[in-house]
Amino acid sequence: MADSKEHSKNSFEDYTTCKVPESATVGGLSIGLINGSLAFSVPGLITGVEVGNALGFTLSFYAFLIGGLILSLMGALAGIVGEKTAIHHVLL
């Protein structure tokens, strides 16, 4: 009985305050797919429509391109730091 309680306790460990052990890590592709799908959420699309209407096609295209590049750079840096330190993204 104590063994099942210990297993249950460890099943929900999300490593928010400590390093993630190698056995609990997942591949970058699955994380990338989840993060990529979040980029196309409904609020983002609605905001894009509003900005596009306000700035016009050319200026909004450049604004989205520059914003996307900045966001990609920040995400890449956070990913590199997280991969090197094995620290949960909440602590970064």
PDB file of N, CA and C in Angstrom:
ATOM      1  N   MET A   1       0.823  -1.196   0.000  1.00  0.00           N
ATOM      2  CA  MET A   1       0.000   0.000   0.000  1.00  0.00           C
ATOM      3  C   MET A   1       0.865   1.256   0.000  1.00  0.00           C
ATOM      4  N   ALA A   2       1.915   1.239   0.806  1.00  0.00           N
ATOM      5  CA  ALA A   2       2.793   2.401   0.854  1.00  0.00           C
ATOM      6  C   ALA A   2       3.488   2.620  -0.483  1.00  0.00           C
ATOM      7  N   ASP A   3       3.771   1.517  -1.191  1.00  0.00           N
ATOM      8  CA  ASP A   3       4.430   1.628  -2.487  1.00  0.00           C
ATOM      9  C   ASP A   3       3.550   2.353  -3.498  1.00  0.00           C
ATOM     10  N   SER A   4       2.229   2.078  -3.487  1.00  0.00           N
ATOM     11  CA  SER A   4       1.331   2.738  -4.438  1.00  0.00           C
ATOM     12  C   SER A   4       1.181   4.221  -4.111  1.00  0.00           C
ATOM     13  N   LYS A   5       1.213   4.563  -2.825  1.00  0.00           N
ATOM     14  CA  LYS A   5       1.154   5.976  -2.447  1.00  0.00           C
ATOM     15  C   LYS A   5       2.408   6.706  -2.932  1.00  0.00           C
ATOM     16  N   GLU A   6       3.557   6.072  -2.785  1.00  0.00           N
ATOM     17  CA  GLU A   6       4.813   6.677  -3.238  1.00  0.00           C
ATOM     18  C   GLU A   6       4.799   6.854  -4.752  1.00  0.00           C
ATOM     19  N   HIS A   7       4.306   5.822  -5.472  1.00  0.00           N
ATOM     20  CA  HIS A   7       4.224   5.919  -6.933  1.00  0.00           C
ATOM     21  C   HIS A   7       3.279   7.039  -7.340  1.00  0.00           C
ATOM     22  N   SER A   8       2.137   7.155  -6.666  1.00  0.00           N
ATOM     23  CA  SER A   8       1.168   8.198  -6.970  1.00  0.00           C
ATOM     24  C   SER A   8       1.754   9.576  -6.712  1.00  0.00           C
ATOM     25  N   LYS A   9       2.502   9.702  -5.634  1.00  0.00           N
ATOM     26  CA  LYS A   9       3.121  10.974  -5.295  1.00  0.00           C
ATOM     27  C   LYS A   9       4.131  11.374  -6.362  1.00  0.00           C
ATOM     28  N   ASN A  10       4.939  10.428  -6.823  1.00  0.00           N
ATOM     29  CA  ASN A  10       5.945  10.730  -7.832  1.00  0.00           C
ATOM     30  C   ASN A  10       5.347  10.934  -9.217  1.00  0.00           C
ATOM     31  N   SER A  11       4.166  10.392  -9.482  1.00  0.00           N
ATOM     32  CA  SER A  11       3.539  10.528 -10.789  1.00  0.00           C
ATOM     33  C   SER A  11       3.162  11.970 -11.088  1.00  0.00           C
ATOM     34  N   PHE A  12       2.924  12.752 -10.072  1.00  0.00           N
ATOM     35  CA  PHE A  12       2.478  14.121 -10.258  1.00  0.00           C
ATOM     36  C   PHE A  12       3.586  15.148 -10.024  1.00  0.00           C
ATOM     37  N   GLU A  13       4.805  14.719  -9.930  1.00  0.00           N
ATOM     38  CA  GLU A  13       5.930  15.642  -9.737  1.00  0.00           C
ATOM     39  C   GLU A  13       6.138  16.418 -11.028  1.00  0.00           C
ATOM     40  N   ASP A  14       6.080  17.743 -10.951  1.00  0.00           N
ATOM     41  CA  ASP A  14       6.272  18.538 -12.158  1.00  0.00           C
ATOM     42  C   ASP A  14       7.593  19.304 -12.158  1.00  0.00           C
ATOM     43  N   TYR A  15       8.430  19.082 -11.157  1.00  0.00           N
ATOM     44  CA  TYR A  15       9.793  19.614 -11.103  1.00  0.00           C
ATOM     45  C   TYR A  15       9.846  21.136 -11.248  1.00  0.00           C
ATOM     46  N   THR A  16       8.912  21.828 -10.619  1.00  0.00           N
ATOM     47  CA  THR A  16       8.912  23.289 -10.727  1.00  0.00           C
ATOM     48  C   THR A  16       9.964  23.944  -9.851  1.00  0.00           C
ATOM     49  N   THR A  17      10.470  23.240  -8.854  1.00  0.00           N
ATOM     50  CA  THR A  17      11.442  23.851  -7.948  1.00  0.00           C
ATOM     51  C   THR A  17      12.782  23.128  -7.923  1.00  0.00           C
ATOM     52  N   CYS A  18      12.997  22.213  -8.857  1.00  0.00           N
ATOM     53  CA  CYS A  18      14.258  21.474  -8.893  1.00  0.00           C
ATOM     54  C   CYS A  18      14.575  21.093 -10.339  1.00  0.00           C
ATOM     55  N   LYS A  19      15.790  20.571 -10.536  1.00  0.00           N
ATOM     56  CA  LYS A  19      16.178  20.131 -11.872  1.00  0.00           C
ATOM     57  C   LYS A  19      15.354  18.925 -12.314  1.00  0.00           C
ATOM     58  N   VAL A  20      15.065  18.862 -13.595  1.00  0.00           N
ATOM     59  CA  VAL A  20      14.333  17.736 -14.158  1.00  0.00           C
ATOM     60  C   VAL A  20      15.327  16.602 -14.401  1.00  0.00           C
ATOM     61  N   PRO A  21      15.066  15.417 -13.851  1.00  0.00           N
ATOM     62  CA  PRO A  21      15.991  14.301 -14.085  1.00  0.00           C
ATOM     63  C   PRO A  21      15.927  13.849 -15.549  1.00  0.00           C
ATOM     64  N   GLU A  22      17.011  13.280 -16.005  1.00  0.00           N
ATOM     65  CA  GLU A  22      17.109  12.830 -17.401  1.00  0.00           C
ATOM     66  C   GLU A  22      15.990  11.855 -17.763  1.00  0.00           C
ATOM     67  N   SER A  23      15.569  11.026 -16.826  1.00  0.00           N
ATOM     68  CA  SER A  23      14.529  10.037 -17.107  1.00  0.00           C
ATOM     69  C   SER A  23      13.150  10.666 -17.308  1.00  0.00           C
ATOM     70  N   ALA A  24      12.969  11.903 -16.886  1.00  0.00           N
ATOM     71  CA  ALA A  24      11.663  12.554 -16.992  1.00  0.00           C
ATOM     72  C   ALA A  24      11.594  13.573 -18.126  1.00  0.00           C
ATOM     73  N   THR A  25      12.649  13.717 -18.915  1.00  0.00           N
ATOM     74  CA  THR A  25      12.641  14.694 -20.000  1.00  0.00           C
ATOM     75  C   THR A  25      11.884  14.153 -21.207  1.00  0.00           C
ATOM     76  N   VAL A  26      11.420  15.054 -22.056  1.00  0.00           N
ATOM     77  CA  VAL A  26      10.721  14.694 -23.288  1.00  0.00           C
ATOM     78  C   VAL A  26      11.424  15.366 -24.461  1.00  0.00           C
ATOM     79  N   GLY A  27      11.121  14.909 -25.657  1.00  0.00           N
ATOM     80  CA  GLY A  27      11.756  15.445 -26.851  1.00  0.00           C
ATOM     81  C   GLY A  27      11.296  16.852 -27.192  1.00  0.00           C
ATOM     82  N   GLY A  28      12.140  17.559 -27.883  1.00  0.00           N
ATOM     83  CA  GLY A  28      11.834  18.937 -28.261  1.00  0.00           C
ATOM     84  C   GLY A  28      10.728  19.035 -29.293  1.00  0.00           C
ATOM     85  N   LEU A  29      10.556  18.007 -30.128  1.00  0.00           N
ATOM     86  CA  LEU A  29       9.527  18.056 -31.161  1.00  0.00           C
ATOM     87  C   LEU A  29       8.135  18.138 -30.552  1.00  0.00           C
ATOM     88  N   SER A  30       7.871  17.326 -29.543  1.00  0.00           N
ATOM     89  CA  SER A  30       6.540  17.355 -28.930  1.00  0.00           C
ATOM     90  C   SER A  30       6.275  18.687 -28.246  1.00  0.00           C
ATOM     91  N   ILE A  31       7.284  19.238 -27.609  1.00  0.00           N
ATOM     92  CA  ILE A  31       7.120  20.544 -26.975  1.00  0.00           C
ATOM     93  C   ILE A  31       6.926  21.618 -28.036  1.00  0.00           C
ATOM     94  N   GLY A  32       7.695  21.525 -29.113  1.00  0.00           N
ATOM     95  CA  GLY A  32       7.566  22.496 -30.199  1.00  0.00           C
ATOM     96  C   GLY A  32       6.199  22.468 -30.851  1.00  0.00           C
ATOM     97  N   LEU A  33       5.627  21.279 -31.018  1.00  0.00           N
ATOM     98  CA  LEU A  33       4.292  21.173 -31.609  1.00  0.00           C
ATOM     99  C   LEU A  33       3.236  21.809 -30.716  1.00  0.00           C
ATOM    100  N   ILE A  34       3.363  21.609 -29.420  1.00  0.00           N
ATOM    101  CA  ILE A  34       2.410  22.219 -28.495  1.00  0.00           C
ATOM    102  C   ILE A  34       2.562  23.735 -28.500  1.00  0.00           C
ATOM    103  N   ASN A  35       3.793  24.215 -28.403  1.00  0.00           N
ATOM    104  CA  ASN A  35       4.014  25.658 -28.405  1.00  0.00           C
ATOM    105  C   ASN A  35       3.615  26.282 -29.739  1.00  0.00           C
ATOM    106  N   GLY A  36       3.873  25.581 -30.827  1.00  0.00           N
ATOM    107  CA  GLY A  36       3.474  26.099 -32.132  1.00  0.00           C
ATOM    108  C   GLY A  36       1.970  26.209 -32.274  1.00  0.00           C
ATOM    109  N   SER A  37       1.248  25.250 -31.735  1.00  0.00           N
ATOM    110  CA  SER A  37      -0.212  25.318 -31.827  1.00  0.00           C
ATOM    111  C   SER A  37      -0.767  26.461 -30.986  1.00  0.00           C
ATOM    112  N   LEU A  38      -0.097  26.802 -29.915  1.00  0.00           N
ATOM    113  CA  LEU A  38      -0.543  27.930 -29.095  1.00  0.00           C
ATOM    114  C   LEU A  38      -0.412  29.260 -29.831  1.00  0.00           C
ATOM    115  N   ALA A  39       0.520  29.331 -30.780  1.00  0.00           N
ATOM    116  CA  ALA A  39       0.725  30.575 -31.525  1.00  0.00           C
ATOM    117  C   ALA A  39      -0.474  30.914 -32.405  1.00  0.00           C
ATOM    118  N   PHE A  40      -1.301  29.932 -32.713  1.00  0.00           N
ATOM    119  CA  PHE A  40      -2.447  30.163 -33.592  1.00  0.00           C
ATOM    120  C   PHE A  40      -3.770  30.119 -32.836  1.00  0.00           C
ATOM    121  N   SER A  41      -3.740  30.532 -31.601  1.00  0.00           N
ATOM    122  CA  SER A  41      -4.971  30.518 -30.806  1.00  0.00           C
ATOM    123  C   SER A  41      -5.900  31.651 -31.258  1.00  0.00           C
ATOM    124  N   VAL A  42      -7.145  31.542 -30.890  1.00  0.00           N
ATOM    125  CA  VAL A  42      -8.163  32.502 -31.314  1.00  0.00           C
ATOM    126  C   VAL A  42      -7.842  33.935 -30.887  1.00  0.00           C
ATOM    127  N   PRO A  43      -7.415  34.209 -29.642  1.00  0.00           N
ATOM    128  CA  PRO A  43      -7.092  35.595 -29.294  1.00  0.00           C
ATOM    129  C   PRO A  43      -5.977  36.186 -30.165  1.00  0.00           C
ATOM    130  N   GLY A  44      -5.003  35.375 -30.498  1.00  0.00           N
ATOM    131  CA  GLY A  44      -3.940  35.863 -31.376  1.00  0.00           C
ATOM    132  C   GLY A  44      -4.450  36.206 -32.756  1.00  0.00           C
ATOM    133  N   LEU A  45      -5.352  35.391 -33.266  1.00  0.00           N
ATOM    134  CA  LEU A  45      -5.922  35.669 -34.582  1.00  0.00           C
ATOM    135  C   LEU A  45      -6.779  36.934 -34.564  1.00  0.00           C
ATOM    136  N   ILE A  46      -7.550  37.116 -33.519  1.00  0.00           N
ATOM    137  CA  ILE A  46      -8.388  38.309 -33.418  1.00  0.00           C
ATOM    138  C   ILE A  46      -7.517  39.560 -33.313  1.00  0.00           C
ATOM    139  N   THR A  47      -6.470  39.487 -32.516  1.00  0.00           N
ATOM    140  CA  THR A  47      -5.547  40.620 -32.404  1.00  0.00           C
ATOM    141  C   THR A  47      -4.907  40.922 -33.749  1.00  0.00           C
ATOM    142  N   GLY A  48      -4.530  39.888 -34.477  1.00  0.00           N
ATOM    143  CA  GLY A  48      -3.947  40.083 -35.797  1.00  0.00           C
ATOM    144  C   GLY A  48      -4.887  40.783 -36.758  1.00  0.00           C
ATOM    145  N   VAL A  49      -6.140  40.424 -36.713  1.00  0.00           N
ATOM    146  CA  VAL A  49      -7.135  41.073 -37.573  1.00  0.00           C
ATOM    147  C   VAL A  49      -7.255  42.551 -37.221  1.00  0.00           C
ATOM    148  N   GLU A  50      -7.296  42.849 -35.927  1.00  0.00           N
ATOM    149  CA  GLU A  50      -7.427  44.242 -35.501  1.00  0.00           C
ATOM    150  C   GLU A  50      -6.202  45.077 -35.903  1.00  0.00           C
ATOM    151  N   VAL A  51      -5.025  44.526 -35.697  1.00  0.00           N
ATOM    152  CA  VAL A  51      -3.799  45.242 -36.066  1.00  0.00           C
ATOM    153  C   VAL A  51      -3.731  45.408 -37.586  1.00  0.00           C
ATOM    154  N   GLY A  52      -4.092  44.365 -38.306  1.00  0.00           N
ATOM    155  CA  GLY A  52      -4.086  44.440 -39.764  1.00  0.00           C
ATOM    156  C   GLY A  52      -5.021  45.508 -40.292  1.00  0.00           C
ATOM    157  N   ASN A  53      -6.190  45.615 -39.707  1.00  0.00           N
ATOM    158  CA  ASN A  53      -7.137  46.656 -40.127  1.00  0.00           C
ATOM    159  C   ASN A  53      -6.635  48.046 -39.775  1.00  0.00           C
ATOM    160  N   ALA A  54      -5.973  48.177 -38.646  1.00  0.00           N
ATOM    161  CA  ALA A  54      -5.513  49.496 -38.200  1.00  0.00           C
ATOM    162  C   ALA A  54      -4.293  49.984 -38.983  1.00  0.00           C
ATOM    163  N   LEU A  55      -3.366  49.105 -39.318  1.00  0.00           N
ATOM    164  CA  LEU A  55      -2.120  49.526 -39.962  1.00  0.00           C
ATOM    165  C   LEU A  55      -2.121  49.374 -41.477  1.00  0.00           C
ATOM    166  N   GLY A  56      -2.982  48.581 -41.999  1.00  0.00           N
ATOM    167  CA  GLY A  56      -2.930  48.270 -43.420  1.00  0.00           C
ATOM    168  C   GLY A  56      -2.041  47.055 -43.648  1.00  0.00           C
ATOM    169  N   PHE A  57      -2.080  46.530 -44.865  1.00  0.00           N
ATOM    170  CA  PHE A  57      -1.403  45.275 -45.144  1.00  0.00           C
ATOM    171  C   PHE A  57       0.106  45.365 -44.998  1.00  0.00           C
ATOM    172  N   THR A  58       0.735  46.342 -45.623  1.00  0.00           N
ATOM    173  CA  THR A  58       2.208  46.404 -45.653  1.00  0.00           C
ATOM    174  C   THR A  58       2.789  46.626 -44.262  1.00  0.00           C
ATOM    175  N   LEU A  59       2.300  47.620 -43.535  1.00  0.00           N
ATOM    176  CA  LEU A  59       2.834  47.885 -42.195  1.00  0.00           C
ATOM    177  C   LEU A  59       2.535  46.751 -41.222  1.00  0.00           C
ATOM    178  N   SER A  60       1.347  46.160 -41.325  1.00  0.00           N
ATOM    179  CA  SER A  60       1.040  45.057 -40.413  1.00  0.00           C
ATOM    180  C   SER A  60       1.882  43.830 -40.741  1.00  0.00           C
ATOM    181  N   PHE A  61       2.191  43.602 -42.020  1.00  0.00           N
ATOM    182  CA  PHE A  61       3.064  42.498 -42.386  1.00  0.00           C
ATOM    183  C   PHE A  61       4.429  42.655 -41.746  1.00  0.00           C
ATOM    184  N   TYR A  62       5.007  43.849 -41.826  1.00  0.00           N
ATOM    185  CA  TYR A  62       6.313  44.092 -41.210  1.00  0.00           C
ATOM    186  C   TYR A  62       6.237  44.014 -39.689  1.00  0.00           C
ATOM    187  N   ALA A  63       5.160  44.512 -39.108  1.00  0.00           N
ATOM    188  CA  ALA A  63       5.002  44.441 -37.648  1.00  0.00           C
ATOM    189  C   ALA A  63       4.930  42.989 -37.181  1.00  0.00           C
ATOM    190  N   PHE A  64       4.173  42.148 -37.881  1.00  0.00           N
ATOM    191  CA  PHE A  64       4.070  40.739 -37.508  1.00  0.00           C
ATOM    192  C   PHE A  64       5.384  40.010 -37.739  1.00  0.00           C
ATOM    193  N   LEU A  65       6.076  40.349 -38.804  1.00  0.00           N
ATOM    194  CA  LEU A  65       7.354  39.707 -39.096  1.00  0.00           C
ATOM    195  C   LEU A  65       8.387  40.034 -38.015  1.00  0.00           C
ATOM    196  N   ILE A  66       8.504  41.301 -37.665  1.00  0.00           N
ATOM    197  CA  ILE A  66       9.467  41.714 -36.638  1.00  0.00           C
ATOM    198  C   ILE A  66       9.069  41.135 -35.275  1.00  0.00           C
ATOM    199  N   GLY A  67       7.784  41.194 -34.942  1.00  0.00           N
ATOM    200  CA  GLY A  67       7.317  40.631 -33.673  1.00  0.00           C
ATOM    201  C   GLY A  67       7.554  39.134 -33.595  1.00  0.00           C
ATOM    202  N   GLY A  68       7.310  38.432 -34.696  1.00  0.00           N
ATOM    203  CA  GLY A  68       7.546  36.994 -34.728  1.00  0.00           C
ATOM    204  C   GLY A  68       9.014  36.647 -34.568  1.00  0.00           C
ATOM    205  N   LEU A  69       9.884  37.440 -35.191  1.00  0.00           N
ATOM    206  CA  LEU A  69      11.324  37.199 -35.050  1.00  0.00           C
ATOM    207  C   LEU A  69      11.795  37.430 -33.616  1.00  0.00           C
ATOM    208  N   ILE A  70      11.298  38.490 -32.998  1.00  0.00           N
ATOM    209  CA  ILE A  70      11.665  38.771 -31.600  1.00  0.00           C
ATOM    210  C   ILE A  70      11.167  37.655 -30.681  1.00  0.00           C
ATOM    211  N   LEU A  71       9.919  37.234 -30.875  1.00  0.00           N
ATOM    212  CA  LEU A  71       9.361  36.164 -30.053  1.00  0.00           C
ATOM    213  C   LEU A  71      10.109  34.854 -30.271  1.00  0.00           C
ATOM    214  N   SER A  72      10.485  34.558 -31.503  1.00  0.00           N
ATOM    215  CA  SER A  72      11.248  33.338 -31.790  1.00  0.00           C
ATOM    216  C   SER A  72      12.616  33.382 -31.124  1.00  0.00           C
ATOM    217  N   LEU A  73      13.265  34.525 -31.146  1.00  0.00           N
ATOM    218  CA  LEU A  73      14.570  34.666 -30.496  1.00  0.00           C
ATOM    219  C   LEU A  73      14.452  34.456 -28.990  1.00  0.00           C
ATOM    220  N   MET A  74      13.434  35.062 -28.378  1.00  0.00           N
ATOM    221  CA  MET A  74      13.241  34.898 -26.940  1.00  0.00           C
ATOM    222  C   MET A  74      12.938  33.443 -26.589  1.00  0.00           C
ATOM    223  N   GLY A  75      12.107  32.783 -27.398  1.00  0.00           N
ATOM    224  CA  GLY A  75      11.786  31.377 -27.155  1.00  0.00           C
ATOM    225  C   GLY A  75      12.995  30.478 -27.325  1.00  0.00           C
ATOM    226  N   ALA A  76      13.809  30.773 -28.343  1.00  0.00           N
ATOM    227  CA  ALA A  76      15.016  29.969 -28.566  1.00  0.00           C
ATOM    228  C   ALA A  76      15.998  30.126 -27.404  1.00  0.00           C
ATOM    229  N   LEU A  77      16.177  31.351 -26.939  1.00  0.00           N
ATOM    230  CA  LEU A  77      17.084  31.576 -25.807  1.00  0.00           C
ATOM    231  C   LEU A  77      16.578  30.876 -24.547  1.00  0.00           C
ATOM    232  N   ALA A  78      15.280  30.966 -24.283  1.00  0.00           N
ATOM    233  CA  ALA A  78      14.723  30.287 -23.113  1.00  0.00           C
ATOM    234  C   ALA A  78      14.863  28.771 -23.253  1.00  0.00           C
ATOM    235  N   GLY A  79      14.681  28.257 -24.460  1.00  0.00           N
ATOM    236  CA  GLY A  79      14.839  26.824 -24.690  1.00  0.00           C
ATOM    237  C   GLY A  79      16.263  26.357 -24.491  1.00  0.00           C
ATOM    238  N   ILE A  80      17.228  27.159 -24.955  1.00  0.00           N
ATOM    239  CA  ILE A  80      18.643  26.810 -24.783  1.00  0.00           C
ATOM    240  C   ILE A  80      19.012  26.802 -23.305  1.00  0.00           C
ATOM    241  N   VAL A  81      18.587  27.828 -22.587  1.00  0.00           N
ATOM    242  CA  VAL A  81      18.883  27.895 -21.152  1.00  0.00           C
ATOM    243  C   VAL A  81      18.213  26.730 -20.425  1.00  0.00           C
ATOM    244  N   GLY A  82      16.958  26.432 -20.757  1.00  0.00           N
ATOM    245  CA  GLY A  82      16.257  25.325 -20.119  1.00  0.00           C
ATOM    246  C   GLY A  82      16.904  23.984 -20.407  1.00  0.00           C
ATOM    247  N   GLU A  83      17.383  23.809 -21.645  1.00  0.00           N
ATOM    248  CA  GLU A  83      18.032  22.550 -22.006  1.00  0.00           C
ATOM    249  C   GLU A  83      19.369  22.385 -21.296  1.00  0.00           C
ATOM    250  N   LYS A  84      20.115  23.463 -21.173  1.00  0.00           N
ATOM    251  CA  LYS A  84      21.433  23.394 -20.531  1.00  0.00           C
ATOM    252  C   LYS A  84      21.337  23.206 -19.023  1.00  0.00           C
ATOM    253  N   THR A  85      20.329  23.848 -18.392  1.00  0.00           N
ATOM    254  CA  THR A  85      20.237  23.806 -16.932  1.00  0.00           C
ATOM    255  C   THR A  85      19.253  22.766 -16.417  1.00  0.00           C
ATOM    256  N   ALA A  86      18.384  22.237 -17.277  1.00  0.00           N
ATOM    257  CA  ALA A  86      17.326  21.289 -16.902  1.00  0.00           C
ATOM    258  C   ALA A  86      16.414  21.878 -15.818  1.00  0.00           C
ATOM    259  N   ILE A  87      16.183  23.175 -15.902  1.00  0.00           N
ATOM    260  CA  ILE A  87      15.298  23.856 -14.956  1.00  0.00           C
ATOM    261  C   ILE A  87      13.954  24.080 -15.638  1.00  0.00           C
ATOM    262  N   HIS A  88      12.873  23.932 -14.887  1.00  0.00           N
ATOM    263  CA  HIS A  88      11.523  24.109 -15.409  1.00  0.00           C
ATOM    264  C   HIS A  88      11.351  25.518 -15.970  1.00  0.00           C
ATOM    265  N   HIS A  89      10.553  25.643 -17.022  1.00  0.00           N
ATOM    266  CA  HIS A  89      10.390  26.939 -17.674  1.00  0.00           C
ATOM    267  C   HIS A  89       9.786  27.999 -16.756  1.00  0.00           C
ATOM    268  N   VAL A  90       9.043  27.597 -15.753  1.00  0.00           N
ATOM    269  CA  VAL A  90       8.453  28.555 -14.828  1.00  0.00           C
ATOM    270  C   VAL A  90       9.547  29.297 -14.054  1.00  0.00           C
ATOM    271  N   LEU A  91      10.640  28.620 -13.763  1.00  0.00           N
ATOM    272  CA  LEU A  91      11.718  29.248 -12.999  1.00  0.00           C
ATOM    273  C   LEU A  91      12.610  30.141 -13.865  1.00  0.00           C
ATOM    274  N   LEU A  92      12.534  29.982 -15.184  1.00  0.00           N
ATOM    275  CA  LEU A  92      13.350  30.838 -16.045  1.00  0.00           C
ATOM    276  C   LEU A  92      12.765  32.207 -16.106  1.00  0.00           C
TER     277      LEU A  92
END
